Amino acid sequence: MKYFFLTEGWTIGRVWASEGLWQITAWRRQPDIQRLNISLVENNELMWLYRIEDAVITVEVKPTPSAIVSEAIGQVVLKRLMTAEQVIERLETAEAKCQLQNIQSVLL
């Protein structure tokens, strides 16, 4: 698995695999991208951790229409996705918080 942080108010656009742009008809499914319940706050900006399958090599992200401000960037292409070890290193150096939606299922 690979990982990346995405600022609250941003969304995932196009996705690329090694063969090129992700084609739902060829893969017969959407890429496996999951937002985890782990976020960190940096410069008053909330960033969520996402997990993505190994087949993905590049992800386009862009602000949602409600998040666009006068000096916002139109879109960004993430080419250097993180390993689990890099995520842990990043969390060690940041103000991080973990949000658990269902604590009972975690404790069982």
PDB file of N, CA and C in Angstrom:
ATOM      1  N   MET A   1       0.832  -1.178   0.000  1.00  0.00           N
ATOM      2  CA  MET A   1       0.000   0.000   0.000  1.00  0.00           C
ATOM      3  C   MET A   1       0.881   1.248   0.000  1.00  0.00           C
ATOM      4  N   LYS A   2       0.311   2.326  -0.520  1.00  0.00           N
ATOM      5  CA  LYS A   2       0.968   3.627  -0.527  1.00  0.00           C
ATOM      6  C   LYS A   2       0.046   4.607   0.187  1.00  0.00           C
ATOM      7  N   TYR A   3       0.584   5.750   0.545  1.00  0.00           N
ATOM      8  CA  TYR A   3      -0.172   6.711   1.336  1.00  0.00           C
ATOM      9  C   TYR A   3       0.105   8.133   0.865  1.00  0.00           C
ATOM     10  N   PHE A   4      -0.821   9.035   1.188  1.00  0.00           N
ATOM     11  CA  PHE A   4      -0.602  10.457   0.988  1.00  0.00           C
ATOM     12  C   PHE A   4      -1.522  11.225   1.925  1.00  0.00           C
ATOM     13  N   PHE A   5      -1.136  12.460   2.239  1.00  0.00           N
ATOM     14  CA  PHE A   5      -1.951  13.352   3.046  1.00  0.00           C
ATOM     15  C   PHE A   5      -2.671  14.320   2.111  1.00  0.00           C
ATOM     16  N   LEU A   6      -3.930  14.596   2.409  1.00  0.00           N
ATOM     17  CA  LEU A   6      -4.722  15.497   1.594  1.00  0.00           C
ATOM     18  C   LEU A   6      -5.431  16.483   2.506  1.00  0.00           C
ATOM     19  N   THR A   7      -5.307  17.757   2.194  1.00  0.00           N
ATOM     20  CA  THR A   7      -5.906  18.817   2.985  1.00  0.00           C
ATOM     21  C   THR A   7      -7.423  18.738   2.953  1.00  0.00           C
ATOM     22  N   GLU A   8      -8.032  18.975   4.103  1.00  0.00           N
ATOM     23  CA  GLU A   8      -9.494  19.028   4.199  1.00  0.00           C
ATOM     24  C   GLU A   8     -10.008  20.023   3.171  1.00  0.00           C
ATOM     25  N   GLY A   9     -11.034  19.663   2.434  1.00  0.00           N
ATOM     26  CA  GLY A   9     -11.573  20.540   1.403  1.00  0.00           C
ATOM     27  C   GLY A   9     -11.017  20.265   0.016  1.00  0.00           C
ATOM     28  N   TRP A  10     -10.096  19.317  -0.085  1.00  0.00           N
ATOM     29  CA  TRP A  10      -9.567  18.907  -1.381  1.00  0.00           C
ATOM     30  C   TRP A  10     -10.128  17.531  -1.715  1.00  0.00           C
ATOM     31  N   THR A  11     -10.168  17.194  -2.992  1.00  0.00           N
ATOM     32  CA  THR A  11     -10.720  15.930  -3.447  1.00  0.00           C
ATOM     33  C   THR A  11      -9.794  15.280  -4.463  1.00  0.00           C
ATOM     34  N   ILE A  12     -10.002  14.002  -4.679  1.00  0.00           N
ATOM     35  CA  ILE A  12      -9.180  13.236  -5.623  1.00  0.00           C
ATOM     36  C   ILE A  12      -9.795  13.332  -7.009  1.00  0.00           C
ATOM     37  N   GLY A  13      -8.945  13.583  -7.988  1.00  0.00           N
ATOM     38  CA  GLY A  13      -9.387  13.664  -9.375  1.00  0.00           C
ATOM     39  C   GLY A  13      -8.985  12.399 -10.129  1.00  0.00           C
ATOM     40  N   ARG A  14      -8.165  12.578 -11.155  1.00  0.00           N
ATOM     41  CA  ARG A  14      -7.736  11.438 -11.972  1.00  0.00           C
ATOM     42  C   ARG A  14      -6.655  10.635 -11.259  1.00  0.00           C
ATOM     43  N   VAL A  15      -6.548   9.367 -11.650  1.00  0.00           N
ATOM     44  CA  VAL A  15      -5.583   8.444 -11.054  1.00  0.00           C
ATOM     45  C   VAL A  15      -4.863   7.722 -12.189  1.00  0.00           C
ATOM     46  N   TRP A  16      -3.555   7.529 -12.026  1.00  0.00           N
ATOM     47  CA  TRP A  16      -2.758   6.835 -13.031  1.00  0.00           C
ATOM     48  C   TRP A  16      -2.128   5.579 -12.453  1.00  0.00           C
ATOM     49  N   ALA A  17      -2.090   4.533 -13.265  1.00  0.00           N
ATOM     50  CA  ALA A  17      -1.347   3.308 -12.957  1.00  0.00           C
ATOM     51  C   ALA A  17      -0.154   3.262 -13.913  1.00  0.00           C
ATOM     52  N   SER A  18       0.636   2.212 -13.854  1.00  0.00           N
ATOM     53  CA  SER A  18       1.818   2.137 -14.715  1.00  0.00           C
ATOM     54  C   SER A  18       1.454   2.103 -16.199  1.00  0.00           C
ATOM     55  N   GLU A  19       0.248   1.650 -16.519  1.00  0.00           N
ATOM     56  CA  GLU A  19      -0.192   1.583 -17.917  1.00  0.00           C
ATOM     57  C   GLU A  19      -0.772   2.900 -18.413  1.00  0.00           C
ATOM     58  N   GLY A  20      -0.883   3.879 -17.541  1.00  0.00           N
ATOM     59  CA  GLY A  20      -1.448   5.172 -17.909  1.00  0.00           C
ATOM     60  C   GLY A  20      -2.652   5.524 -17.051  1.00  0.00           C
ATOM     61  N   LEU A  21      -3.475   6.409 -17.559  1.00  0.00           N
ATOM     62  CA  LEU A  21      -4.656   6.861 -16.834  1.00  0.00           C
ATOM     63  C   LEU A  21      -5.529   5.665 -16.455  1.00  0.00           C
ATOM     64  N   TRP A  22      -5.998   5.663 -15.198  1.00  0.00           N
ATOM     65  CA  TRP A  22      -6.812   4.546 -14.702  1.00  0.00           C
ATOM     66  C   TRP A  22      -8.093   4.450 -15.522  1.00  0.00           C
ATOM     67  N   GLN A  23      -8.324   3.304 -16.111  1.00  0.00           N
ATOM     68  CA  GLN A  23      -9.513   3.052 -16.919  1.00  0.00           C
ATOM     69  C   GLN A  23     -10.413   2.068 -16.171  1.00  0.00           C
ATOM     70  N   ILE A  24     -11.569   2.540 -15.727  1.00  0.00           N
ATOM     71  CA  ILE A  24     -12.491   1.694 -14.977  1.00  0.00           C
ATOM     72  C   ILE A  24     -12.936   0.506 -15.820  1.00  0.00           C
ATOM     73  N   THR A  25     -13.122   0.718 -17.121  1.00  0.00           N
ATOM     74  CA  THR A  25     -13.568  -0.385 -17.985  1.00  0.00           C
ATOM     75  C   THR A  25     -12.490  -1.462 -18.119  1.00  0.00           C
ATOM     76  N   ALA A  26     -11.231  -1.074 -18.151  1.00  0.00           N
ATOM     77  CA  ALA A  26     -10.150  -2.051 -18.270  1.00  0.00           C
ATOM     78  C   ALA A  26      -9.915  -2.792 -16.949  1.00  0.00           C
ATOM     79  N   TRP A  27      -9.904  -2.045 -15.841  1.00  0.00           N
ATOM     80  CA  TRP A  27      -9.665  -2.645 -14.528  1.00  0.00           C
ATOM     81  C   TRP A  27     -10.937  -3.287 -13.961  1.00  0.00           C
ATOM     82  N   ARG A  28     -12.086  -2.857 -14.494  1.00  0.00           N
ATOM     83  CA  ARG A  28     -13.404  -3.318 -14.040  1.00  0.00           C
ATOM     84  C   ARG A  28     -13.698  -2.930 -12.593  1.00  0.00           C
ATOM     85  N   ARG A  29     -13.088  -1.841 -12.155  1.00  0.00           N
ATOM     86  CA  ARG A  29     -13.333  -1.332 -10.807  1.00  0.00           C
ATOM     87  C   ARG A  29     -12.661   0.026 -10.646  1.00  0.00           C
ATOM     88  N   GLN A  30     -13.074   0.723  -9.621  1.00  0.00           N
ATOM     89  CA  GLN A  30     -12.420   1.973  -9.238  1.00  0.00           C
ATOM     90  C   GLN A  30     -11.098   1.633  -8.549  1.00  0.00           C
ATOM     91  N   PRO A  31     -10.137   2.547  -8.514  1.00  0.00           N
ATOM     92  CA  PRO A  31      -8.921   2.293  -7.733  1.00  0.00           C
ATOM     93  C   PRO A  31      -9.268   2.246  -6.247  1.00  0.00           C
ATOM     94  N   ASP A  32      -8.550   1.444  -5.493  1.00  0.00           N
ATOM     95  CA  ASP A  32      -8.795   1.317  -4.052  1.00  0.00           C
ATOM     96  C   ASP A  32      -8.113   2.474  -3.326  1.00  0.00           C
ATOM     97  N   ILE A  33      -8.912   3.477  -2.975  1.00  0.00           N
ATOM     98  CA  ILE A  33      -8.432   4.658  -2.262  1.00  0.00           C
ATOM     99  C   ILE A  33      -9.317   4.832  -1.036  1.00  0.00           C
ATOM    100  N   GLN A  34      -8.705   4.867   0.143  1.00  0.00           N
ATOM    101  CA  GLN A  34      -9.479   4.978   1.372  1.00  0.00           C
ATOM    102  C   GLN A  34      -8.919   6.084   2.254  1.00  0.00           C
ATOM    103  N   ARG A  35      -9.841   6.942   2.741  1.00  0.00           N
ATOM    104  CA  ARG A  35      -9.424   7.935   3.736  1.00  0.00           C
ATOM    105  C   ARG A  35      -9.421   7.253   5.090  1.00  0.00           C
ATOM    106  N   LEU A  36      -8.293   7.330   5.777  1.00  0.00           N
ATOM    107  CA  LEU A  36      -8.166   6.730   7.092  1.00  0.00           C
ATOM    108  C   LEU A  36      -8.613   7.725   8.154  1.00  0.00           C
ATOM    109  N   ASN A  37      -8.853   7.249   9.350  1.00  0.00           N
ATOM    110  CA  ASN A  37      -9.282   8.117  10.443  1.00  0.00           C
ATOM    111  C   ASN A  37      -8.100   8.703  11.191  1.00  0.00           C
ATOM    112  N   ILE A  38      -7.084   9.085  10.431  1.00  0.00           N
ATOM    113  CA  ILE A  38      -5.888   9.715  11.002  1.00  0.00           C
ATOM    114  C   ILE A  38      -5.657  11.021  10.269  1.00  0.00           C
ATOM    115  N   SER A  39      -5.502  12.075  11.043  1.00  0.00           N
ATOM    116  CA  SER A  39      -5.231  13.373  10.438  1.00  0.00           C
ATOM    117  C   SER A  39      -4.138  14.065  11.225  1.00  0.00           C
ATOM    118  N   LEU A  40      -3.535  15.059  10.599  1.00  0.00           N
ATOM    119  CA  LEU A  40      -2.600  15.906  11.324  1.00  0.00           C
ATOM    120  C   LEU A  40      -2.892  17.347  10.991  1.00  0.00           C
ATOM    121  N   VAL A  41      -2.515  18.190  11.929  1.00  0.00           N
ATOM    122  CA  VAL A  41      -2.761  19.616  11.785  1.00  0.00           C
ATOM    123  C   VAL A  41      -1.413  20.306  11.633  1.00  0.00           C
ATOM    124  N   GLU A  42      -1.294  21.093  10.580  1.00  0.00           N
ATOM    125  CA  GLU A  42      -0.065  21.833  10.336  1.00  0.00           C
ATOM    126  C   GLU A  42      -0.440  23.219   9.850  1.00  0.00           C
ATOM    127  N   ASN A  43       0.044  24.236  10.538  1.00  0.00           N
ATOM    128  CA  ASN A  43      -0.290  25.625  10.209  1.00  0.00           C
ATOM    129  C   ASN A  43      -1.810  25.821  10.135  1.00  0.00           C
ATOM    130  N   ASN A  44      -2.515  25.271  11.127  1.00  0.00           N
ATOM    131  CA  ASN A  44      -3.975  25.354  11.210  1.00  0.00           C
ATOM    132  C   ASN A  44      -4.682  24.719  10.018  1.00  0.00           C
ATOM    133  N   GLU A  45      -4.020  23.819   9.328  1.00  0.00           N
ATOM    134  CA  GLU A  45      -4.591  23.126   8.184  1.00  0.00           C
ATOM    135  C   GLU A  45      -4.748  21.647   8.537  1.00  0.00           C
ATOM    136  N   LEU A  46      -5.958  21.114   8.384  1.00  0.00           N
ATOM    137  CA  LEU A  46      -6.236  19.715   8.688  1.00  0.00           C
ATOM    138  C   LEU A  46      -5.942  18.867   7.454  1.00  0.00           C
ATOM    139  N   MET A  47      -5.068  17.870   7.618  1.00  0.00           N
ATOM    140  CA  MET A  47      -4.691  16.999   6.501  1.00  0.00           C
ATOM    141  C   MET A  47      -5.010  15.556   6.871  1.00  0.00           C
ATOM    142  N   TRP A  48      -5.796  14.898   6.016  1.00  0.00           N
ATOM    143  CA  TRP A  48      -6.209  13.516   6.236  1.00  0.00           C
ATOM    144  C   TRP A  48      -5.269  12.551   5.539  1.00  0.00           C
ATOM    145  N   LEU A  49      -5.033  11.412   6.177  1.00  0.00           N
ATOM    146  CA  LEU A  49      -4.191  10.371   5.593  1.00  0.00           C
ATOM    147  C   LEU A  49      -5.055   9.455   4.726  1.00  0.00           C
ATOM    148  N   TYR A  50      -4.591   9.204   3.502  1.00  0.00           N
ATOM    149  CA  TYR A  50      -5.273   8.313   2.563  1.00  0.00           C
ATOM    150  C   TYR A  50      -4.377   7.117   2.272  1.00  0.00           C
ATOM    151  N   ARG A  51      -5.001   5.960   2.120  1.00  0.00           N
ATOM    152  CA  ARG A  51      -4.295   4.737   1.713  1.00  0.00           C
ATOM    153  C   ARG A  51      -4.738   4.412   0.295  1.00  0.00           C
ATOM    154  N   ILE A  52      -3.766   4.027  -0.530  1.00  0.00           N
ATOM    155  CA  ILE A  52      -4.053   3.753  -1.935  1.00  0.00           C
ATOM    156  C   ILE A  52      -3.309   2.495  -2.357  1.00  0.00           C
ATOM    157  N   GLU A  53      -3.878   1.750  -3.268  1.00  0.00           N
ATOM    158  CA  GLU A  53      -3.268   0.481  -3.677  1.00  0.00           C
ATOM    159  C   GLU A  53      -1.955   0.691  -4.429  1.00  0.00           C
ATOM    160  N   ASP A  54      -1.119  -0.342  -4.399  1.00  0.00           N
ATOM    161  CA  ASP A  54       0.210  -0.271  -5.005  1.00  0.00           C
ATOM    162  C   ASP A  54       0.190  -0.022  -6.503  1.00  0.00           C
ATOM    163  N   ALA A  55      -0.859  -0.432  -7.195  1.00  0.00           N
ATOM    164  CA  ALA A  55      -0.918  -0.264  -8.655  1.00  0.00           C
ATOM    165  C   ALA A  55      -0.951   1.206  -9.059  1.00  0.00           C
ATOM    166  N   VAL A  56      -1.364   2.078  -8.171  1.00  0.00           N
ATOM    167  CA  VAL A  56      -1.457   3.510  -8.471  1.00  0.00           C
ATOM    168  C   VAL A  56      -0.082   4.150  -8.325  1.00  0.00           C
ATOM    169  N   ILE A  57       0.285   4.956  -9.333  1.00  0.00           N
ATOM    170  CA  ILE A  57       1.580   5.632  -9.263  1.00  0.00           C
ATOM    171  C   ILE A  57       1.442   7.150  -9.154  1.00  0.00           C
ATOM    172  N   THR A  58       0.312   7.705  -9.587  1.00  0.00           N
ATOM    173  CA  THR A  58       0.111   9.153  -9.572  1.00  0.00           C
ATOM    174  C   THR A  58      -1.349   9.461  -9.276  1.00  0.00           C
ATOM    175  N   VAL A  59      -1.566  10.511  -8.471  1.00  0.00           N
ATOM    176  CA  VAL A  59      -2.918  10.930  -8.105  1.00  0.00           C
ATOM    177  C   VAL A  59      -3.037  12.428  -8.323  1.00  0.00           C
ATOM    178  N   GLU A  60      -4.109  12.845  -8.991  1.00  0.00           N
ATOM    179  CA  GLU A  60      -4.417  14.263  -9.152  1.00  0.00           C
ATOM    180  C   GLU A  60      -5.364  14.667  -8.028  1.00  0.00           C
ATOM    181  N   VAL A  61      -5.062  15.770  -7.351  1.00  0.00           N
ATOM    182  CA  VAL A  61      -5.947  16.298  -6.308  1.00  0.00           C
ATOM    183  C   VAL A  61      -6.259  17.746  -6.626  1.00  0.00           C
ATOM    184  N   LYS A  62      -7.450  18.185  -6.191  1.00  0.00           N
ATOM    185  CA  LYS A  62      -7.863  19.561  -6.465  1.00  0.00           C
ATOM    186  C   LYS A  62      -8.831  20.016  -5.382  1.00  0.00           C
ATOM    187  N   PRO A  63      -8.927  21.316  -5.180  1.00  0.00           N
ATOM    188  CA  PRO A  63      -9.848  21.805  -4.155  1.00  0.00           C
ATOM    189  C   PRO A  63     -11.301  21.620  -4.592  1.00  0.00           C
ATOM    190  N   THR A  64     -12.158  21.347  -3.616  1.00  0.00           N
ATOM    191  CA  THR A  64     -13.590  21.288  -3.913  1.00  0.00           C
ATOM    192  C   THR A  64     -14.056  22.715  -4.184  1.00  0.00           C
ATOM    193  N   PRO A  65     -15.156  22.889  -4.891  1.00  0.00           N
ATOM    194  CA  PRO A  65     -15.630  24.250  -5.186  1.00  0.00           C
ATOM    195  C   PRO A  65     -15.816  25.110  -3.937  1.00  0.00           C
ATOM    196  N   SER A  66     -16.229  24.506  -2.830  1.00  0.00           N
ATOM    197  CA  SER A  66     -16.421  25.285  -1.601  1.00  0.00           C
ATOM    198  C   SER A  66     -15.097  25.678  -0.951  1.00  0.00           C
ATOM    199  N   ALA A  67     -14.003  25.004  -1.300  1.00  0.00           N
ATOM    200  CA  ALA A  67     -12.698  25.296  -0.700  1.00  0.00           C
ATOM    201  C   ALA A  67     -11.872  26.278  -1.523  1.00  0.00           C
ATOM    202  N   ILE A  68     -12.330  26.628  -2.714  1.00  0.00           N
ATOM    203  CA  ILE A  68     -11.555  27.507  -3.581  1.00  0.00           C
ATOM    204  C   ILE A  68     -11.573  28.925  -3.011  1.00  0.00           C
ATOM    205  N   VAL A  69     -10.385  29.483  -2.853  1.00  0.00           N
ATOM    206  CA  VAL A  69     -10.235  30.868  -2.429  1.00  0.00           C
ATOM    207  C   VAL A  69      -9.460  31.611  -3.496  1.00  0.00           C
ATOM    208  N   SER A  70      -9.323  32.895  -3.345  1.00  0.00           N
ATOM    209  CA  SER A  70      -8.721  33.710  -4.403  1.00  0.00           C
ATOM    210  C   SER A  70      -7.315  33.275  -4.791  1.00  0.00           C
ATOM    211  N   GLU A  71      -6.528  32.745  -3.855  1.00  0.00           N
ATOM    212  CA  GLU A  71      -5.159  32.371  -4.197  1.00  0.00           C
ATOM    213  C   GLU A  71      -4.954  30.851  -4.212  1.00  0.00           C
ATOM    214  N   ALA A  72      -6.021  30.098  -4.347  1.00  0.00           N
ATOM    215  CA  ALA A  72      -5.928  28.636  -4.338  1.00  0.00           C
ATOM    216  C   ALA A  72      -5.282  28.114  -5.616  1.00  0.00           C
ATOM    217  N   ILE A  73      -4.678  26.961  -5.481  1.00  0.00           N
ATOM    218  CA  ILE A  73      -4.083  26.267  -6.614  1.00  0.00           C
ATOM    219  C   ILE A  73      -5.195  25.485  -7.303  1.00  0.00           C
ATOM    220  N   GLY A  74      -5.191  25.438  -8.611  1.00  0.00           N
ATOM    221  CA  GLY A  74      -6.237  24.751  -9.352  1.00  0.00           C
ATOM    222  C   GLY A  74      -6.211  23.242  -9.193  1.00  0.00           C
ATOM    223  N   GLN A  75      -5.027  22.634  -9.288  1.00  0.00           N
ATOM    224  CA  GLN A  75      -4.888  21.188  -9.117  1.00  0.00           C
ATOM    225  C   GLN A  75      -3.430  20.863  -8.873  1.00  0.00           C
ATOM    226  N   VAL A  76      -3.198  19.697  -8.293  1.00  0.00           N
ATOM    227  CA  VAL A  76      -1.851  19.232  -7.992  1.00  0.00           C
ATOM    228  C   VAL A  76      -1.783  17.760  -8.372  1.00  0.00           C
ATOM    229  N   VAL A  77      -0.662  17.327  -8.912  1.00  0.00           N
ATOM    230  CA  VAL A  77      -0.459  15.916  -9.235  1.00  0.00           C
ATOM    231  C   VAL A  77       0.578  15.367  -8.262  1.00  0.00           C
ATOM    232  N   LEU A  78       0.171  14.344  -7.494  1.00  0.00           N
ATOM    233  CA  LEU A  78       1.062  13.712  -6.522  1.00  0.00           C
ATOM    234  C   LEU A  78       1.770  12.548  -7.183  1.00  0.00           C
ATOM    235  N   LYS A  79       3.098  12.669  -7.336  1.00  0.00           N
ATOM    236  CA  LYS A  79       3.878  11.622  -7.986  1.00  0.00           C
ATOM    237  C   LYS A  79       4.710  10.828  -6.998  1.00  0.00           C
ATOM    238  N   ARG A  80       4.945  11.384  -5.825  1.00  0.00           N
ATOM    239  CA  ARG A  80       5.752  10.699  -4.820  1.00  0.00           C
ATOM    240  C   ARG A  80       4.849  10.293  -3.659  1.00  0.00           C
ATOM    241  N   LEU A  81       4.238   9.138  -3.797  1.00  0.00           N
ATOM    242  CA  LEU A  81       3.380   8.628  -2.743  1.00  0.00           C
ATOM    243  C   LEU A  81       4.257   8.043  -1.646  1.00  0.00           C
ATOM    244  N   MET A  82       3.760   8.037  -0.419  1.00  0.00           N
ATOM    245  CA  MET A  82       4.558   7.666   0.744  1.00  0.00           C
ATOM    246  C   MET A  82       4.428   6.179   1.079  1.00  0.00           C
ATOM    247  N   THR A  83       5.479   5.652   1.694  1.00  0.00           N
ATOM    248  CA  THR A  83       5.424   4.309   2.256  1.00  0.00           C
ATOM    249  C   THR A  83       4.890   4.419   3.686  1.00  0.00           C
ATOM    250  N   ALA A  84       4.556   3.290   4.278  1.00  0.00           N
ATOM    251  CA  ALA A  84       4.082   3.285   5.664  1.00  0.00           C
ATOM    252  C   ALA A  84       5.145   3.856   6.601  1.00  0.00           C
ATOM    253  N   GLU A  85       6.400   3.545   6.365  1.00  0.00           N
ATOM    254  CA  GLU A  85       7.482   4.047   7.206  1.00  0.00           C
ATOM    255  C   GLU A  85       7.584   5.571   7.125  1.00  0.00           C
ATOM    256  N   GLN A  86       7.404   6.123   5.931  1.00  0.00           N
ATOM    257  CA  GLN A  86       7.452   7.572   5.768  1.00  0.00           C
ATOM    258  C   GLN A  86       6.282   8.246   6.472  1.00  0.00           C
ATOM    259  N   VAL A  87       5.127   7.606   6.475  1.00  0.00           N
ATOM    260  CA  VAL A  87       3.962   8.154   7.182  1.00  0.00           C
ATOM    261  C   VAL A  87       4.243   8.213   8.673  1.00  0.00           C
ATOM    262  N   ILE A  88       4.796   7.137   9.221  1.00  0.00           N
ATOM    263  CA  ILE A  88       5.106   7.106  10.653  1.00  0.00           C
ATOM    264  C   ILE A  88       6.112   8.185  11.001  1.00  0.00           C
ATOM    265  N   GLU A  89       7.146   8.356  10.183  1.00  0.00           N
ATOM    266  CA  GLU A  89       8.129   9.416  10.417  1.00  0.00           C
ATOM    267  C   GLU A  89       7.467  10.789  10.403  1.00  0.00           C
ATOM    268  N   ARG A  90       6.555  10.991   9.478  1.00  0.00           N
ATOM    269  CA  ARG A  90       5.848  12.279   9.363  1.00  0.00           C
ATOM    270  C   ARG A  90       4.976  12.529  10.587  1.00  0.00           C
ATOM    271  N   LEU A  91       4.271  11.493  11.034  1.00  0.00           N
ATOM    272  CA  LEU A  91       3.416  11.639  12.203  1.00  0.00           C
ATOM    273  C   LEU A  91       4.217  11.902  13.471  1.00  0.00           C
ATOM    274  N   GLU A  92       5.434  11.374  13.530  1.00  0.00           N
ATOM    275  CA  GLU A  92       6.293  11.592  14.701  1.00  0.00           C
ATOM    276  C   GLU A  92       6.706  13.049  14.842  1.00  0.00           C
ATOM    277  N   THR A  93       6.747  13.775  13.742  1.00  0.00           N
ATOM    278  CA  THR A  93       7.227  15.156  13.775  1.00  0.00           C
ATOM    279  C   THR A  93       6.101  16.177  13.699  1.00  0.00           C
ATOM    280  N   ALA A  94       4.857  15.727  13.775  1.00  0.00           N
ATOM    281  CA  ALA A  94       3.726  16.635  13.599  1.00  0.00           C
ATOM    282  C   ALA A  94       2.784  16.568  14.792  1.00  0.00           C
ATOM    283  N   GLU A  95       1.940  17.576  14.888  1.00  0.00           N
ATOM    284  CA  GLU A  95       0.851  17.550  15.841  1.00  0.00           C
ATOM    285  C   GLU A  95      -0.216  16.665  15.220  1.00  0.00           C
ATOM    286  N   ALA A  96      -0.352  15.465  15.736  1.00  0.00           N
ATOM    287  CA  ALA A  96      -1.256  14.499  15.111  1.00  0.00           C
ATOM    288  C   ALA A  96      -2.390  14.131  16.047  1.00  0.00           C
ATOM    289  N   LYS A  97      -3.523  13.745  15.455  1.00  0.00           N
ATOM    290  CA  LYS A  97      -4.630  13.246  16.242  1.00  0.00           C
ATOM    291  C   LYS A  97      -5.243  12.075  15.507  1.00  0.00           C
ATOM    292  N   CYS A  98      -5.750  11.142  16.263  1.00  0.00           N
ATOM    293  CA  CYS A  98      -6.401   9.975  15.694  1.00  0.00           C
ATOM    294  C   CYS A  98      -7.868  10.041  16.060  1.00  0.00           C
ATOM    295  N   GLN A  99      -8.726   9.867  15.080  1.00  0.00           N
ATOM    296  CA  GLN A  99     -10.158   9.878  15.328  1.00  0.00           C
ATOM    297  C   GLN A  99     -10.694   8.472  15.119  1.00  0.00           C
ATOM    298  N   LEU A 100     -11.315   7.933  16.147  1.00  0.00           N
ATOM    299  CA  LEU A 100     -11.914   6.612  16.063  1.00  0.00           C
ATOM    300  C   LEU A 100     -13.419   6.774  16.003  1.00  0.00           C
ATOM    301  N   GLN A 101     -14.022   6.274  14.942  1.00  0.00           N
ATOM    302  CA  GLN A 101     -15.467   6.427  14.786  1.00  0.00           C
ATOM    303  C   GLN A 101     -16.231   5.434  15.655  1.00  0.00           C
ATOM    304  N   ASN A 102     -15.763   4.215  15.779  1.00  0.00           N
ATOM    305  CA  ASN A 102     -16.469   3.205  16.547  1.00  0.00           C
ATOM    306  C   ASN A 102     -15.477   2.530  17.474  1.00  0.00           C
ATOM    307  N   ILE A 103     -15.309   3.063  18.655  1.00  0.00           N
ATOM    308  CA  ILE A 103     -14.318   2.569  19.605  1.00  0.00           C
ATOM    309  C   ILE A 103     -14.610   1.135  20.030  1.00  0.00           C
ATOM    310  N   GLN A 104     -15.874   0.713  20.063  1.00  0.00           N
ATOM    311  CA  GLN A 104     -16.235  -0.641  20.477  1.00  0.00           C
ATOM    312  C   GLN A 104     -15.657  -1.686  19.534  1.00  0.00           C
ATOM    313  N   SER A 105     -15.710  -1.440  18.235  1.00  0.00           N
ATOM    314  CA  SER A 105     -15.192  -2.420  17.282  1.00  0.00           C
ATOM    315  C   SER A 105     -13.680  -2.532  17.383  1.00  0.00           C
ATOM    316  N   VAL A 106     -13.004  -1.464  17.794  1.00  0.00           N
ATOM    317  CA  VAL A 106     -11.558  -1.488  17.947  1.00  0.00           C
ATOM    318  C   VAL A 106     -11.158  -2.310  19.170  1.00  0.00           C
ATOM    319  N   LEU A 107     -11.948  -2.223  20.227  1.00  0.00           N
ATOM    320  CA  LEU A 107     -11.628  -2.893  21.468  1.00  0.00           C
ATOM    321  C   LEU A 107     -11.990  -4.379  21.463  1.00  0.00           C
ATOM    322  N   LEU A 108     -12.816  -4.810  20.547  1.00  0.00           N
ATOM    323  CA  LEU A 108     -13.235  -6.221  20.511  1.00  0.00           C
ATOM    324  C   LEU A 108     -12.212  -7.123  19.904  1.00  0.00           C
TER     325      LEU A 108
END
